[in-house]
Amino acid sequence: MSSSRRIKNVSISVPILYGNHAEKLTDDKRTAITPPDHTHEWTVFLKPVLDGVDLTPLIKRVTFKLHETYDTPVRSIESPPYQVTETGWGEFEIIIKIHFHPGSELGINEKNFQIFHGLKLHPFNPKAPPRENGEVHSVLYDELIFQEPTEATFEILTRKPFNLLPETIEDEEKKDQEFSRGDESDELARLDVFIHKIKQEIETQKNKYQDLEQEKIALLQ
């Protein structure tokens, strides 16, 4: 049986975390080449939610496209941890792209795996109690979805339970840096609320359109 043969009507998801950590740049971390206007040190990253998950059989490298003002704005990381640490003063959009190993056996369309992350250096809520050294964590959850994977990709992705989130966060201090099944349920509940609101709005607009059509017909008679 060919390892490049696709498994129909099957999809596998791999939960990932991406985002950035940042803190104010202290004097002891400045070097001779640190621009004087830089105020923060930050790290942008992408990683599996579950510790110990090895995606290197699939991932050839992860690239991070920084602002054009940085030397070599496209940074290529070929092995975990997939992250880049820099200093700066402003927030901007970073493009995170996953490049997979080529070959018919994997058969992955890497164009589907590009993430846009807005670098955060300042707290989301300015009224929140400040953390030590201005620490900020902007961590987001997503899933890599492999639709109808090849048999080789399926075998790699089923060696471990890639798609099982931890039940709870072990360290309460890391609630804004990790993701659990409870968080997933909360997120799904919020999505259900918004979907319901959108359906209601569609129905309202539909009724308004029908009323306007009736008024139009009446005016033309």
N, C-alpha and C. Protein backbone atom coordinates (compact mmCIF):
# COMPACT_ATOMS: atom_id res chain seq x y z
N MET A 1 0.85 -1.19 0.00
CA MET A 1 0.00 0.00 0.00
C MET A 1 0.89 1.25 0.00
N SER A 2 0.60 2.18 -0.89
CA SER A 2 1.43 3.37 -1.03
C SER A 2 1.23 4.33 0.13
N SER A 3 2.38 4.86 0.66
CA SER A 3 2.28 5.81 1.77
C SER A 3 1.79 7.17 1.32
N SER A 4 1.75 7.39 -0.03
CA SER A 4 1.25 8.66 -0.54
C SER A 4 -0.24 8.62 -0.84
N ARG A 5 -0.85 7.47 -0.61
CA ARG A 5 -2.29 7.33 -0.83
C ARG A 5 -3.06 8.12 0.24
N ARG A 6 -4.05 8.90 -0.19
CA ARG A 6 -4.82 9.72 0.75
C ARG A 6 -5.94 8.92 1.38
N ILE A 7 -6.22 9.26 2.64
CA ILE A 7 -7.29 8.61 3.39
C ILE A 7 -8.53 9.50 3.28
N LYS A 8 -9.51 9.05 2.55
CA LYS A 8 -10.68 9.86 2.25
C LYS A 8 -11.56 10.06 3.50
N ASN A 9 -12.24 11.21 3.54
CA ASN A 9 -13.22 11.54 4.59
C ASN A 9 -12.62 11.53 5.99
N VAL A 10 -11.33 11.86 6.08
CA VAL A 10 -10.65 11.91 7.38
C VAL A 10 -9.94 13.26 7.50
N SER A 11 -10.00 13.85 8.67
CA SER A 11 -9.21 15.04 8.96
C SER A 11 -8.63 14.92 10.36
N ILE A 12 -7.43 15.44 10.54
CA ILE A 12 -6.75 15.40 11.83
C ILE A 12 -6.35 16.82 12.19
N SER A 13 -6.60 17.20 13.44
CA SER A 13 -6.24 18.54 13.89
C SER A 13 -5.10 18.45 14.90
N VAL A 14 -4.19 19.41 14.80
CA VAL A 14 -3.08 19.52 15.75
C VAL A 14 -3.19 20.87 16.44
N PRO A 15 -3.56 20.92 17.71
CA PRO A 15 -3.67 22.20 18.42
C PRO A 15 -2.30 22.87 18.55
N ILE A 16 -2.25 24.16 18.27
CA ILE A 16 -1.00 24.91 18.39
C ILE A 16 -1.25 26.20 19.16
N LEU A 17 -0.19 26.72 19.71
CA LEU A 17 -0.19 28.04 20.32
C LEU A 17 0.79 28.91 19.56
N TYR A 18 0.42 30.16 19.35
CA TYR A 18 1.35 31.10 18.74
C TYR A 18 1.13 32.47 19.37
N GLY A 19 2.10 33.36 19.20
CA GLY A 19 1.97 34.69 19.77
C GLY A 19 3.31 35.23 20.19
N ASN A 20 3.29 36.04 21.25
CA ASN A 20 4.56 36.60 21.70
C ASN A 20 4.53 36.90 23.20
N HIS A 21 5.71 36.88 23.79
CA HIS A 21 5.94 37.36 25.15
C HIS A 21 6.79 38.63 25.03
N ALA A 22 6.58 39.57 25.92
CA ALA A 22 7.36 40.81 25.87
C ALA A 22 7.55 41.34 27.28
N GLU A 23 8.64 42.09 27.46
CA GLU A 23 8.88 42.78 28.71
C GLU A 23 9.75 44.00 28.43
N LYS A 24 9.73 44.93 29.35
CA LYS A 24 10.51 46.14 29.17
C LYS A 24 12.00 45.82 29.12
N LEU A 25 12.69 46.52 28.27
CA LEU A 25 14.12 46.26 28.07
C LEU A 25 14.92 46.95 29.16
N THR A 26 15.55 46.14 30.00
CA THR A 26 16.34 46.68 31.11
C THR A 26 17.77 46.96 30.64
N ASP A 27 18.45 47.81 31.38
CA ASP A 27 19.81 48.22 30.99
C ASP A 27 20.77 47.04 30.89
N ASP A 28 20.60 46.04 31.75
CA ASP A 28 21.53 44.91 31.74
C ASP A 28 21.37 44.03 30.50
N LYS A 29 20.26 44.21 29.76
CA LYS A 29 20.05 43.43 28.54
C LYS A 29 20.41 44.21 27.28
N ARG A 30 20.75 45.47 27.45
CA ARG A 30 21.19 46.26 26.29
C ARG A 30 22.63 45.93 25.94
N THR A 31 22.91 45.95 24.64
CA THR A 31 24.27 45.70 24.18
C THR A 31 24.74 46.91 23.38
N ALA A 32 25.95 46.82 22.88
CA ALA A 32 26.51 47.94 22.11
C ALA A 32 25.75 48.19 20.82
N ILE A 33 25.04 47.15 20.33
CA ILE A 33 24.32 47.32 19.06
C ILE A 33 22.81 47.51 19.25
N THR A 34 22.36 47.57 20.51
CA THR A 34 20.93 47.80 20.76
C THR A 34 20.58 49.25 20.46
N PRO A 35 19.65 49.50 19.53
CA PRO A 35 19.26 50.89 19.25
C PRO A 35 18.76 51.58 20.52
N PRO A 36 19.13 52.82 20.76
CA PRO A 36 18.75 53.50 22.01
C PRO A 36 17.25 53.71 22.17
N ASP A 37 16.49 53.73 21.04
CA ASP A 37 15.06 53.95 21.15
C ASP A 37 14.26 52.67 21.41
N HIS A 38 14.93 51.53 21.47
CA HIS A 38 14.23 50.27 21.73
C HIS A 38 13.85 50.20 23.22
N THR A 39 12.59 49.86 23.46
CA THR A 39 12.05 49.89 24.83
C THR A 39 11.70 48.51 25.37
N HIS A 40 11.59 47.50 24.48
CA HIS A 40 11.13 46.18 24.90
C HIS A 40 11.99 45.07 24.30
N GLU A 41 12.01 43.95 24.99
CA GLU A 41 12.52 42.71 24.43
C GLU A 41 11.33 41.77 24.26
N TRP A 42 11.22 41.13 23.10
CA TRP A 42 10.07 40.26 22.85
C TRP A 42 10.49 38.98 22.14
N THR A 43 9.66 37.96 22.29
CA THR A 43 9.87 36.68 21.63
C THR A 43 8.57 36.27 20.95
N VAL A 44 8.62 36.04 19.64
CA VAL A 44 7.46 35.53 18.91
C VAL A 44 7.69 34.04 18.70
N PHE A 45 6.62 33.23 18.77
CA PHE A 45 6.79 31.78 18.76
C PHE A 45 5.61 31.07 18.13
N LEU A 46 5.83 29.82 17.80
CA LEU A 46 4.78 28.87 17.40
C LEU A 46 5.17 27.52 17.97
N LYS A 47 4.21 26.83 18.61
CA LYS A 47 4.53 25.53 19.20
C LYS A 47 3.25 24.70 19.35
N PRO A 48 3.38 23.36 19.43
CA PRO A 48 2.22 22.53 19.74
C PRO A 48 1.72 22.82 21.16
N VAL A 49 0.43 22.65 21.38
CA VAL A 49 -0.12 22.86 22.72
C VAL A 49 0.47 21.85 23.70
N LEU A 50 0.56 20.61 23.27
CA LEU A 50 1.03 19.55 24.16
C LEU A 50 2.55 19.48 24.17
N ASP A 51 3.11 19.40 25.37
CA ASP A 51 4.55 19.24 25.50
C ASP A 51 4.97 17.86 24.97
N GLY A 52 6.14 17.81 24.41
CA GLY A 52 6.66 16.53 23.95
C GLY A 52 6.20 16.11 22.57
N VAL A 53 5.36 16.91 21.91
CA VAL A 53 4.91 16.59 20.55
C VAL A 53 6.00 17.02 19.57
N ASP A 54 6.44 16.10 18.74
CA ASP A 54 7.50 16.37 17.77
C ASP A 54 6.90 16.44 16.38
N LEU A 55 6.92 17.64 15.80
CA LEU A 55 6.39 17.82 14.45
C LEU A 55 7.49 17.89 13.39
N THR A 56 8.73 17.64 13.79
CA THR A 56 9.83 17.75 12.83
C THR A 56 9.73 16.75 11.66
N PRO A 57 9.07 15.58 11.82
CA PRO A 57 8.90 14.73 10.64
C PRO A 57 8.04 15.39 9.56
N LEU A 58 7.22 16.37 9.95
CA LEU A 58 6.38 17.08 8.99
C LEU A 58 6.94 18.45 8.63
N ILE A 59 7.42 19.18 9.65
CA ILE A 59 7.83 20.58 9.45
C ILE A 59 9.31 20.66 9.07
N LYS A 60 9.58 21.28 7.94
CA LYS A 60 10.96 21.51 7.51
C LYS A 60 11.53 22.75 8.20
N ARG A 61 10.72 23.80 8.27
CA ARG A 61 11.13 25.03 8.95
C ARG A 61 9.91 25.90 9.19
N VAL A 62 10.06 26.86 10.09
CA VAL A 62 9.04 27.89 10.33
C VAL A 62 9.71 29.24 10.09
N THR A 63 9.07 30.08 9.29
CA THR A 63 9.63 31.41 9.04
C THR A 63 8.78 32.47 9.73
N PHE A 64 9.45 33.50 10.22
CA PHE A 64 8.79 34.65 10.86
C PHE A 64 9.18 35.89 10.06
N LYS A 65 8.21 36.55 9.46
CA LYS A 65 8.48 37.76 8.69
C LYS A 65 8.25 38.97 9.58
N LEU A 66 9.33 39.63 9.98
CA LEU A 66 9.27 40.78 10.86
C LEU A 66 9.10 42.06 10.05
N HIS A 67 9.07 43.18 10.75
CA HIS A 67 8.99 44.49 10.08
C HIS A 67 10.24 44.69 9.22
N GLU A 68 10.08 45.39 8.10
CA GLU A 68 11.18 45.55 7.15
C GLU A 68 12.36 46.33 7.71
N THR A 69 12.16 47.04 8.81
CA THR A 69 13.26 47.81 9.39
C THR A 69 14.28 46.93 10.10
N TYR A 70 13.95 45.67 10.35
CA TYR A 70 14.89 44.75 11.01
C TYR A 70 15.86 44.18 9.97
N ASP A 71 17.10 43.96 10.44
CA ASP A 71 18.06 43.26 9.59
C ASP A 71 17.54 41.85 9.34
N THR A 72 17.59 41.43 8.09
CA THR A 72 17.07 40.12 7.70
C THR A 72 15.67 39.93 8.28
N PRO A 73 14.68 40.62 7.75
CA PRO A 73 13.33 40.56 8.33
C PRO A 73 12.68 39.18 8.29
N VAL A 74 13.08 38.32 7.35
CA VAL A 74 12.53 36.97 7.32
C VAL A 74 13.50 36.04 8.05
N ARG A 75 13.06 35.53 9.20
CA ARG A 75 13.90 34.64 10.01
C ARG A 75 13.42 33.21 9.82
N SER A 76 14.33 32.32 9.51
CA SER A 76 13.99 30.92 9.26
C SER A 76 14.51 30.05 10.40
N ILE A 77 13.60 29.32 11.05
CA ILE A 77 13.96 28.44 12.16
C ILE A 77 13.69 27.00 11.73
N GLU A 78 14.74 26.17 11.73
CA GLU A 78 14.63 24.83 11.16
C GLU A 78 14.44 23.73 12.18
N SER A 79 14.44 24.06 13.46
CA SER A 79 14.19 23.05 14.48
C SER A 79 13.59 23.73 15.71
N PRO A 80 12.83 22.98 16.53
CA PRO A 80 12.24 23.57 17.74
C PRO A 80 13.32 24.04 18.69
N PRO A 81 13.05 25.05 19.52
CA PRO A 81 11.79 25.80 19.55
C PRO A 81 11.69 26.78 18.38
N TYR A 82 10.49 26.85 17.79
CA TYR A 82 10.26 27.77 16.68
C TYR A 82 9.94 29.14 17.26
N GLN A 83 10.97 29.97 17.39
CA GLN A 83 10.78 31.28 18.00
C GLN A 83 11.91 32.22 17.60
N VAL A 84 11.62 33.51 17.70
CA VAL A 84 12.60 34.56 17.40
C VAL A 84 12.53 35.59 18.52
N THR A 85 13.67 35.97 19.06
CA THR A 85 13.75 36.99 20.10
C THR A 85 14.43 38.23 19.54
N GLU A 86 13.81 39.38 19.79
CA GLU A 86 14.33 40.65 19.28
C GLU A 86 14.02 41.75 20.29
N THR A 87 14.52 42.94 20.00
CA THR A 87 14.15 44.12 20.77
C THR A 87 13.49 45.11 19.83
N GLY A 88 12.73 46.04 20.39
CA GLY A 88 12.06 47.03 19.56
C GLY A 88 11.28 48.02 20.39
N TRP A 89 10.57 48.90 19.68
CA TRP A 89 9.76 49.90 20.40
C TRP A 89 8.31 49.92 19.92
N GLY A 90 8.03 49.33 18.75
CA GLY A 90 6.69 49.43 18.19
C GLY A 90 6.05 48.08 17.95
N GLU A 91 4.72 48.10 17.80
CA GLU A 91 3.95 46.90 17.50
C GLU A 91 3.69 46.83 16.00
N PHE A 92 3.72 45.63 15.44
CA PHE A 92 3.49 45.45 14.02
C PHE A 92 3.04 44.02 13.77
N GLU A 93 2.64 43.74 12.54
CA GLU A 93 2.16 42.41 12.19
C GLU A 93 3.32 41.51 11.78
N ILE A 94 3.31 40.30 12.32
CA ILE A 94 4.32 39.30 11.99
C ILE A 94 3.63 38.15 11.24
N ILE A 95 4.21 37.74 10.12
CA ILE A 95 3.66 36.62 9.36
C ILE A 95 4.44 35.36 9.75
N ILE A 96 3.71 34.37 10.27
CA ILE A 96 4.30 33.09 10.65
C ILE A 96 3.89 32.06 9.60
N LYS A 97 4.86 31.42 8.98
CA LYS A 97 4.55 30.45 7.94
C LYS A 97 5.24 29.13 8.23
N ILE A 98 4.46 28.06 8.10
CA ILE A 98 4.99 26.71 8.31
C ILE A 98 5.32 26.10 6.95
N HIS A 99 6.57 25.67 6.80
CA HIS A 99 7.02 25.03 5.57
C HIS A 99 7.19 23.53 5.86
N PHE A 100 6.53 22.70 5.06
CA PHE A 100 6.58 21.26 5.29
C PHE A 100 7.61 20.60 4.38
N HIS A 101 8.07 19.44 4.81
CA HIS A 101 8.98 18.68 3.97
C HIS A 101 8.29 18.35 2.65
N PRO A 102 8.98 18.48 1.54
CA PRO A 102 8.36 18.18 0.25
C PRO A 102 8.24 16.68 0.04
N GLY A 103 7.47 16.32 -0.95
CA GLY A 103 7.34 14.90 -1.29
C GLY A 103 5.90 14.46 -1.36
N SER A 104 5.62 13.54 -2.24
CA SER A 104 4.25 13.07 -2.45
C SER A 104 3.73 12.30 -1.24
N GLU A 105 4.65 11.75 -0.42
CA GLU A 105 4.19 10.97 0.73
C GLU A 105 3.47 11.81 1.76
N LEU A 106 3.98 13.05 1.95
CA LEU A 106 3.31 13.94 2.90
C LEU A 106 2.12 14.62 2.23
N GLY A 107 2.32 15.13 1.03
CA GLY A 107 1.22 15.68 0.26
C GLY A 107 0.48 16.80 0.97
N ILE A 108 1.22 17.71 1.64
CA ILE A 108 0.60 18.78 2.41
C ILE A 108 0.66 20.08 1.63
N ASN A 109 -0.45 20.80 1.60
CA ASN A 109 -0.49 22.11 0.94
C ASN A 109 -0.13 23.18 1.95
N GLU A 110 1.13 23.62 1.94
CA GLU A 110 1.60 24.54 2.97
C GLU A 110 0.96 25.92 2.87
N LYS A 111 0.33 26.23 1.75
CA LYS A 111 -0.31 27.54 1.62
C LYS A 111 -1.43 27.73 2.64
N ASN A 112 -1.94 26.62 3.16
CA ASN A 112 -3.01 26.70 4.15
C ASN A 112 -2.50 27.01 5.55
N PHE A 113 -1.20 27.07 5.73
CA PHE A 113 -0.64 27.21 7.07
C PHE A 113 0.19 28.49 7.18
N GLN A 114 -0.49 29.60 7.11
CA GLN A 114 0.13 30.91 7.28
C GLN A 114 -0.69 31.69 8.30
N ILE A 115 -0.01 32.25 9.29
CA ILE A 115 -0.68 32.91 10.41
C ILE A 115 -0.19 34.35 10.49
N PHE A 116 -1.12 35.27 10.75
CA PHE A 116 -0.78 36.67 10.94
C PHE A 116 -0.95 37.00 12.43
N HIS A 117 0.13 37.46 13.04
CA HIS A 117 0.09 37.78 14.47
C HIS A 117 0.47 39.24 14.70
N GLY A 118 -0.37 39.96 15.42
CA GLY A 118 -0.07 41.34 15.80
C GLY A 118 0.79 41.35 17.06
N LEU A 119 2.03 41.76 16.91
CA LEU A 119 2.95 41.82 18.05
C LEU A 119 2.39 42.75 19.14
N LYS A 120 2.37 42.25 20.38
CA LYS A 120 1.87 43.04 21.50
C LYS A 120 3.02 43.33 22.47
N LEU A 121 3.24 44.62 22.73
CA LEU A 121 4.24 45.04 23.70
C LEU A 121 3.60 45.66 24.93
N HIS A 122 2.34 46.02 24.82
CA HIS A 122 1.65 46.71 25.91
C HIS A 122 0.41 45.91 26.32
N PRO A 123 -0.01 46.03 27.58
CA PRO A 123 -1.16 45.26 28.06
C PRO A 123 -2.42 45.55 27.25
N PHE A 124 -3.27 44.51 27.09
CA PHE A 124 -4.54 44.69 26.40
C PHE A 124 -5.43 45.69 27.15
N ASN A 125 -5.41 45.57 28.48
CA ASN A 125 -6.21 46.46 29.33
C ASN A 125 -5.27 47.37 30.10
N PRO A 126 -5.17 48.63 29.72
CA PRO A 126 -4.24 49.54 30.41
C PRO A 126 -4.56 49.75 31.89
N LYS A 127 -5.81 49.41 32.30
CA LYS A 127 -6.20 49.57 33.70
C LYS A 127 -5.86 48.35 34.55
N ALA A 128 -5.42 47.28 33.91
CA ALA A 128 -5.07 46.07 34.66
C ALA A 128 -3.82 46.33 35.49
N PRO A 129 -3.72 45.67 36.64
CA PRO A 129 -2.53 45.85 37.48
C PRO A 129 -1.27 45.48 36.68
N PRO A 130 -0.26 46.34 36.66
CA PRO A 130 0.94 46.07 35.87
C PRO A 130 1.72 44.88 36.43
N ARG A 131 2.28 44.09 35.55
CA ARG A 131 3.12 42.98 35.97
C ARG A 131 4.55 43.45 36.15
N GLU A 132 5.32 42.61 36.80
CA GLU A 132 6.72 42.95 37.04
C GLU A 132 7.44 43.14 35.71
N ASN A 133 8.13 44.26 35.60
CA ASN A 133 8.90 44.59 34.40
C ASN A 133 8.03 44.72 33.14
N GLY A 134 6.75 45.07 33.32
CA GLY A 134 5.88 45.29 32.18
C GLY A 134 5.63 44.05 31.35
N GLU A 135 5.64 42.89 31.98
CA GLU A 135 5.49 41.62 31.28
C GLU A 135 4.14 41.53 30.57
N VAL A 136 4.16 41.12 29.30
CA VAL A 136 2.95 40.97 28.49
C VAL A 136 3.00 39.62 27.78
N HIS A 137 1.87 38.91 27.79
CA HIS A 137 1.76 37.64 27.07
C HIS A 137 0.57 37.72 26.12
N SER A 138 0.84 37.58 24.83
CA SER A 138 -0.22 37.53 23.82
C SER A 138 -0.17 36.15 23.19
N VAL A 139 -0.96 35.23 23.72
CA VAL A 139 -0.91 33.83 23.30
C VAL A 139 -2.26 33.45 22.71
N LEU A 140 -2.26 32.93 21.49
CA LEU A 140 -3.48 32.58 20.79
C LEU A 140 -3.49 31.09 20.43
N TYR A 141 -4.69 30.56 20.32
CA TYR A 141 -4.89 29.13 20.03
C TYR A 141 -5.37 28.97 18.59
N ASP A 142 -4.87 27.95 17.93
CA ASP A 142 -5.35 27.61 16.59
C ASP A 142 -5.13 26.12 16.38
N GLU A 143 -5.57 25.62 15.24
CA GLU A 143 -5.38 24.22 14.93
C GLU A 143 -4.87 24.07 13.50
N LEU A 144 -3.90 23.21 13.32
CA LEU A 144 -3.49 22.82 11.98
C LEU A 144 -4.40 21.67 11.56
N ILE A 145 -5.17 21.87 10.50
CA ILE A 145 -6.11 20.86 10.04
C ILE A 145 -5.55 20.17 8.80
N PHE A 146 -5.39 18.87 8.89
CA PHE A 146 -4.90 18.07 7.78
C PHE A 146 -6.09 17.31 7.18
N GLN A 147 -6.58 17.80 6.04
CA GLN A 147 -7.72 17.20 5.38
C GLN A 147 -7.27 16.04 4.48
N GLU A 148 -7.94 14.90 4.64
CA GLU A 148 -7.62 13.72 3.84
C GLU A 148 -6.11 13.51 3.75
N PRO A 149 -5.45 13.31 4.88
CA PRO A 149 -3.99 13.17 4.88
C PRO A 149 -3.53 11.92 4.14
N THR A 150 -2.29 11.96 3.68
CA THR A 150 -1.73 10.74 3.11
C THR A 150 -1.50 9.74 4.24
N GLU A 151 -1.29 8.49 3.86
CA GLU A 151 -1.08 7.46 4.89
C GLU A 151 0.18 7.74 5.71
N ALA A 152 1.20 8.33 5.06
CA ALA A 152 2.43 8.67 5.79
C ALA A 152 2.17 9.76 6.82
N THR A 153 1.44 10.81 6.40
CA THR A 153 1.11 11.90 7.33
C THR A 153 0.21 11.40 8.45
N PHE A 154 -0.76 10.55 8.12
CA PHE A 154 -1.67 9.98 9.13
C PHE A 154 -0.89 9.20 10.17
N GLU A 155 0.08 8.42 9.72
CA GLU A 155 0.88 7.62 10.65
C GLU A 155 1.66 8.51 11.61
N ILE A 156 2.22 9.61 11.08
CA ILE A 156 2.99 10.54 11.92
C ILE A 156 2.08 11.20 12.95
N LEU A 157 0.89 11.60 12.50
CA LEU A 157 -0.01 12.37 13.37
C LEU A 157 -0.77 11.52 14.38
N THR A 158 -0.72 10.21 14.24
CA THR A 158 -1.43 9.35 15.18
C THR A 158 -0.49 8.57 16.10
N ARG A 159 0.79 8.89 16.06
CA ARG A 159 1.72 8.25 17.00
C ARG A 159 1.41 8.65 18.42
N LYS A 160 0.97 9.91 18.58
CA LYS A 160 0.58 10.43 19.89
C LYS A 160 -0.77 11.12 19.73
N PRO A 161 -1.51 11.31 20.84
CA PRO A 161 -2.80 12.02 20.75
C PRO A 161 -2.61 13.52 20.55
N PHE A 162 -2.24 13.92 19.33
CA PHE A 162 -1.92 15.31 19.02
C PHE A 162 -3.08 16.25 19.35
N ASN A 163 -4.31 15.76 19.19
CA ASN A 163 -5.45 16.67 19.26
C ASN A 163 -6.12 16.70 20.63
N LEU A 164 -5.47 16.16 21.66
CA LEU A 164 -6.05 16.18 23.00
C LEU A 164 -5.47 17.33 23.81
N LEU A 165 -6.31 18.26 24.19
CA LEU A 165 -5.88 19.36 25.04
C LEU A 165 -5.84 18.90 26.49
N PRO A 166 -4.99 19.50 27.32
CA PRO A 166 -5.01 19.16 28.75
C PRO A 166 -6.33 19.59 29.38
N GLU A 167 -6.75 18.85 30.39
CA GLU A 167 -8.03 19.16 31.05
C GLU A 167 -8.00 20.53 31.70
N THR A 168 -6.92 20.83 32.41
CA THR A 168 -6.81 22.10 33.12
C THR A 168 -5.38 22.63 33.00
N ILE A 169 -5.22 23.88 33.36
CA ILE A 169 -3.90 24.50 33.41
C ILE A 169 -3.30 24.22 34.79
N GLU A 170 -2.14 23.59 34.80
CA GLU A 170 -1.54 23.21 36.08
C GLU A 170 -1.08 24.42 36.87
N ASP A 171 -0.49 25.40 36.20
CA ASP A 171 0.05 26.57 36.88
C ASP A 171 -0.86 27.76 36.62
N GLU A 172 -1.55 28.24 37.65
CA GLU A 172 -2.49 29.36 37.49
C GLU A 172 -1.80 30.62 37.01
N GLU A 173 -0.50 30.73 37.28
CA GLU A 173 0.24 31.91 36.83
C GLU A 173 0.40 31.95 35.31
N LYS A 174 0.12 30.80 34.66
CA LYS A 174 0.30 30.72 33.22
C LYS A 174 -1.03 30.62 32.47
N LYS A 175 -2.10 31.11 33.09
CA LYS A 175 -3.43 31.02 32.46
C LYS A 175 -3.49 31.76 31.14
N ASP A 176 -2.71 32.84 30.99
CA ASP A 176 -2.73 33.59 29.74
C ASP A 176 -1.64 33.13 28.77
N GLN A 177 -0.99 32.01 29.10
CA GLN A 177 0.07 31.51 28.24
C GLN A 177 -0.20 30.09 27.73
N GLU A 178 -1.23 29.43 28.26
CA GLU A 178 -1.53 28.06 27.88
C GLU A 178 -3.01 27.94 27.52
N PHE A 179 -3.42 26.73 27.14
CA PHE A 179 -4.78 26.52 26.67
C PHE A 179 -5.25 25.15 27.14
N SER A 180 -6.50 25.07 27.63
CA SER A 180 -7.03 23.82 28.14
C SER A 180 -8.36 23.49 27.45
N ARG A 181 -8.91 22.33 27.77
CA ARG A 181 -10.21 21.95 27.19
C ARG A 181 -11.31 22.90 27.66
N GLY A 182 -11.18 23.39 28.87
CA GLY A 182 -12.16 24.36 29.36
C GLY A 182 -12.14 25.63 28.52
N ASP A 183 -10.94 26.08 28.17
CA ASP A 183 -10.82 27.26 27.31
C ASP A 183 -11.45 26.99 25.95
N GLU A 184 -11.25 25.78 25.44
CA GLU A 184 -11.83 25.42 24.15
C GLU A 184 -13.35 25.45 24.22
N SER A 185 -13.92 24.90 25.30
CA SER A 185 -15.37 24.91 25.47
C SER A 185 -15.92 26.33 25.57
N ASP A 186 -15.21 27.18 26.31
CA ASP A 186 -15.62 28.58 26.43
C ASP A 186 -15.60 29.27 25.08
N GLU A 187 -14.55 28.98 24.30
CA GLU A 187 -14.42 29.60 22.98
C GLU A 187 -15.54 29.14 22.06
N LEU A 188 -15.87 27.85 22.10
CA LEU A 188 -16.96 27.34 21.28
C LEU A 188 -18.30 27.94 21.69
N ALA A 189 -18.49 28.14 23.00
CA ALA A 189 -19.72 28.76 23.48
C ALA A 189 -19.84 30.19 22.98
N ARG A 190 -18.72 30.94 23.01
CA ARG A 190 -18.74 32.31 22.51
C ARG A 190 -19.04 32.34 21.01
N LEU A 191 -18.47 31.39 20.28
CA LEU A 191 -18.75 31.32 18.84
C LEU A 191 -20.22 31.03 18.58
N ASP A 192 -20.81 30.15 19.39
CA ASP A 192 -22.24 29.84 19.23
C ASP A 192 -23.09 31.08 19.43
N VAL A 193 -22.72 31.90 20.43
CA VAL A 193 -23.47 33.13 20.70
C VAL A 193 -23.39 34.06 19.49
N PHE A 194 -22.19 34.24 18.95
CA PHE A 194 -22.02 35.14 17.81
C PHE A 194 -22.71 34.61 16.56
N ILE A 195 -22.67 33.29 16.35
CA ILE A 195 -23.36 32.69 15.20
C ILE A 195 -24.86 32.93 15.31
N HIS A 196 -25.40 32.79 16.55
CA HIS A 196 -26.82 33.04 16.77
C HIS A 196 -27.18 34.49 16.47
N LYS A 197 -26.31 35.42 16.91
CA LYS A 197 -26.56 36.84 16.65
C LYS A 197 -26.53 37.14 15.15
N ILE A 198 -25.58 36.53 14.45
CA ILE A 198 -25.47 36.75 13.01
C ILE A 198 -26.71 36.22 12.29
N LYS A 199 -27.18 35.04 12.70
CA LYS A 199 -28.39 34.48 12.08
C LYS A 199 -29.59 35.40 12.33
N GLN A 200 -29.68 35.95 13.54
CA GLN A 200 -30.78 36.88 13.85
C GLN A 200 -30.68 38.13 12.98
N GLU A 201 -29.46 38.64 12.81
CA GLU A 201 -29.28 39.84 12.00
C GLU A 201 -29.63 39.57 10.53
N ILE A 202 -29.25 38.39 10.04
CA ILE A 202 -29.59 38.02 8.67
C ILE A 202 -31.11 37.96 8.49
N GLU A 203 -31.78 37.38 9.47
CA GLU A 203 -33.24 37.28 9.40
C GLU A 203 -33.88 38.66 9.45
N THR A 204 -33.35 39.54 10.30
CA THR A 204 -33.88 40.91 10.40
C THR A 204 -33.70 41.65 9.08
N GLN A 205 -32.50 41.54 8.50
CA GLN A 205 -32.25 42.21 7.23
C GLN A 205 -33.10 41.63 6.11
N LYS A 206 -33.33 40.33 6.16
CA LYS A 206 -34.18 39.68 5.16
C LYS A 206 -35.60 40.22 5.23
N ASN A 207 -36.12 40.37 6.47
CA ASN A 207 -37.47 40.90 6.64
C ASN A 207 -37.56 42.35 6.18
N LYS A 208 -36.52 43.13 6.49
CA LYS A 208 -36.51 44.54 6.04
C LYS A 208 -36.52 44.62 4.52
N TYR A 209 -35.75 43.74 3.89
CA TYR A 209 -35.68 43.73 2.43
C TYR A 209 -37.04 43.38 1.84
N GLN A 210 -37.71 42.38 2.43
CA GLN A 210 -39.03 42.00 1.94
C GLN A 210 -40.03 43.14 2.10
N ASP A 211 -39.94 43.87 3.23
CA ASP A 211 -40.84 45.01 3.44
C ASP A 211 -40.59 46.09 2.39
N LEU A 212 -39.31 46.36 2.10
CA LEU A 212 -38.97 47.37 1.10
C LEU A 212 -39.45 46.96 -0.29
N GLU A 213 -39.36 45.68 -0.58
CA GLU A 213 -39.85 45.19 -1.87
C GLU A 213 -41.35 45.39 -1.99
N GLN A 214 -42.07 45.15 -0.90
CA GLN A 214 -43.52 45.36 -0.90
C GLN A 214 -43.86 46.83 -1.09
N GLU A 215 -43.08 47.71 -0.41
CA GLU A 215 -43.32 49.15 -0.57
C GLU A 215 -43.03 49.57 -2.01
N LYS A 216 -42.00 49.00 -2.61
CA LYS A 216 -41.65 49.33 -3.99
C LYS A 216 -42.77 48.93 -4.95
N ILE A 217 -43.31 47.71 -4.74
CA ILE A 217 -44.41 47.25 -5.60
C ILE A 217 -45.64 48.13 -5.46
N ALA A 218 -45.91 48.52 -4.19
CA ALA A 218 -47.08 49.38 -3.95
C ALA A 218 -46.93 50.73 -4.62
N LEU A 219 -45.74 51.30 -4.62
CA LEU A 219 -45.50 52.62 -5.24
C LEU A 219 -45.59 52.55 -6.77
N LEU A 220 -45.24 51.38 -7.34
CA LEU A 220 -45.28 51.26 -8.79
C LEU A 220 -46.68 50.95 -9.33
N GLN A 221 -47.59 50.59 -8.45
CA GLN A 221 -48.97 50.30 -8.93
C GLN A 221 -49.76 51.57 -9.18
